[in-house]
Amino acid sequence: MIDFTSTPASNGQSETKTLGYVAAALLLFCAPAGLILAYIDRSKASPLLASHYNYLIGTFWKGLLFAVVSVILSIILIGVLAAFVTSIWYLARCIKSIVYLHRDEAIAQPSTWLV
């Protein structure tokens, strides 16, 4: 039998790193998969869903552009701030789409660069 009480306490740093790696792996897998599904289903969707698909397709490509620019700008250290702002922008757009879809509302301007 294993005695779990005698193991040394960890500081939680390794668990945090592991969660970060898992989140990155999920993002790298799920975002392109969602993009492919959006492209496939967009033509068959109702106008309501089509506006959300267009909005999220644009969010993916614009977010990818911002991420590449952030990586390039990280050479002069402003890229770290740009990456943080890009993450907030990406998350805000995804949440907006979920909220509008829950309300059964279309996205008014799916091609906008703003939130």
Protein backbone atom coordinates (compact mmCIF):
# COMPACT_ATOMS: atom_id res chain seq x y z
CA MET A 1 0.00 0.00 0.00
CA ILE A 2 1.28 3.50 -0.79
CA ASP A 3 1.38 6.12 1.93
CA PHE A 4 0.32 9.38 0.28
CA THR A 5 0.69 11.46 3.42
CA SER A 6 4.47 11.12 3.53
CA THR A 7 5.12 12.69 0.13
CA PRO A 8 6.77 16.12 0.20
CA ALA A 9 4.50 19.08 -0.47
CA SER A 10 4.94 20.58 -3.90
CA ASN A 11 4.83 24.30 -4.52
CA GLY A 12 2.30 23.96 -7.37
CA GLN A 13 4.69 25.27 -10.00
CA SER A 14 4.91 22.02 -11.94
CA GLU A 15 1.12 21.67 -11.99
CA THR A 16 0.79 25.22 -13.33
CA LYS A 17 3.28 24.51 -16.10
CA THR A 18 1.45 21.31 -16.97
CA LEU A 19 -1.88 23.13 -17.19
CA GLY A 20 -0.26 25.74 -19.41
CA TYR A 21 1.05 23.07 -21.76
CA VAL A 22 -2.35 21.36 -21.88
CA ALA A 23 -4.11 24.66 -22.60
CA ALA A 24 -1.65 25.47 -25.40
CA ALA A 25 -2.06 22.01 -26.92
CA LEU A 26 -5.85 22.32 -26.81
CA LEU A 27 -5.73 25.75 -28.43
CA LEU A 28 -3.38 24.53 -31.16
CA PHE A 29 -5.70 21.60 -31.90
CA CYS A 30 -9.17 23.01 -31.29
CA ALA A 31 -8.85 26.39 -32.99
CA PRO A 32 -7.90 24.99 -36.43
CA ALA A 33 -10.52 22.25 -36.04
CA GLY A 34 -13.16 24.89 -35.30
CA LEU A 35 -11.99 26.91 -38.29
CA ILE A 36 -12.35 23.92 -40.61
CA LEU A 37 -15.83 23.13 -39.26
CA ALA A 38 -16.88 26.77 -39.65
CA TYR A 39 -15.76 26.79 -43.28
CA ILE A 40 -17.62 23.53 -43.94
CA ASP A 41 -20.89 24.51 -42.24
CA ARG A 42 -21.02 28.18 -43.25
CA SER A 43 -22.69 27.57 -46.61
CA LYS A 44 -25.41 25.38 -45.09
CA ALA A 45 -26.10 27.58 -42.07
CA SER A 46 -28.95 29.97 -41.39
CA PRO A 47 -28.15 33.70 -41.67
CA LEU A 48 -27.82 33.85 -37.88
CA LEU A 49 -25.23 31.08 -37.72
CA ALA A 50 -23.50 32.26 -40.89
CA SER A 51 -22.82 35.64 -39.26
CA HIS A 52 -21.26 33.86 -36.28
CA TYR A 53 -19.19 31.60 -38.53
CA ASN A 54 -17.92 34.60 -40.50
CA TYR A 55 -17.14 36.46 -37.28
CA LEU A 56 -15.21 33.55 -35.77
CA ILE A 57 -13.36 32.79 -39.01
CA GLY A 58 -12.25 36.41 -39.06
CA THR A 59 -11.32 36.19 -35.38
CA PHE A 60 -9.07 33.21 -36.06
CA TRP A 61 -7.20 34.78 -39.00
CA LYS A 62 -6.88 38.23 -37.41
CA GLY A 63 -5.77 36.65 -34.14
CA LEU A 64 -3.16 34.62 -36.00
CA LEU A 65 -1.91 37.80 -37.69
CA PHE A 66 -1.73 39.61 -34.34
CA ALA A 67 0.09 36.64 -32.78
CA VAL A 68 2.72 36.61 -35.55
CA VAL A 69 3.21 40.38 -35.19
CA SER A 70 3.50 39.93 -31.41
CA VAL A 71 6.19 37.28 -31.83
CA ILE A 72 8.13 39.55 -34.17
CA LEU A 73 7.74 42.51 -31.80
CA SER A 74 8.91 40.41 -28.87
CA ILE A 75 12.44 41.10 -30.09
CA ILE A 76 12.03 44.64 -28.74
CA LEU A 77 9.97 43.45 -25.75
CA ILE A 78 6.78 45.26 -26.77
CA GLY A 79 5.59 41.95 -28.23
CA VAL A 80 4.86 40.62 -24.75
CA LEU A 81 2.33 43.41 -24.23
CA ALA A 82 1.00 42.91 -27.75
CA ALA A 83 0.54 39.18 -27.10
CA PHE A 84 -1.36 39.93 -23.89
CA VAL A 85 -3.63 42.42 -25.67
CA THR A 86 -4.15 39.93 -28.51
CA SER A 87 -5.17 37.24 -26.01
CA ILE A 88 -7.71 39.55 -24.35
CA TRP A 89 -9.06 40.64 -27.76
CA TYR A 90 -9.38 37.00 -28.92
CA LEU A 91 -11.13 35.95 -25.73
CA ALA A 92 -13.50 38.94 -25.83
CA ARG A 93 -14.53 38.15 -29.41
CA CYS A 94 -15.17 34.49 -28.59
CA ILE A 95 -17.25 35.41 -25.54
CA LYS A 96 -19.19 38.00 -27.55
CA SER A 97 -20.07 35.38 -30.14
CA ILE A 98 -21.24 32.93 -27.48
CA VAL A 99 -23.38 35.56 -25.74
CA TYR A 100 -24.98 36.76 -28.99
CA LEU A 101 -25.65 33.19 -30.08
CA HIS A 102 -27.27 32.44 -26.73
CA ARG A 103 -29.54 35.46 -27.27
CA ASP A 104 -30.34 34.30 -30.83
CA GLU A 105 -28.84 37.49 -32.26
CA ALA A 106 -26.69 37.76 -35.35
CA ILE A 107 -23.37 39.56 -35.31
CA ALA A 108 -24.08 42.97 -36.85
CA GLN A 109 -20.68 43.46 -38.49
CA PRO A 110 -18.90 40.12 -38.73
CA SER A 111 -15.95 41.58 -40.66
CA THR A 112 -15.04 44.20 -38.04
CA TRP A 113 -11.53 44.33 -36.59
CA LEU A 114 -12.87 45.60 -33.28
CA VAL A 115 -14.49 43.53 -30.57
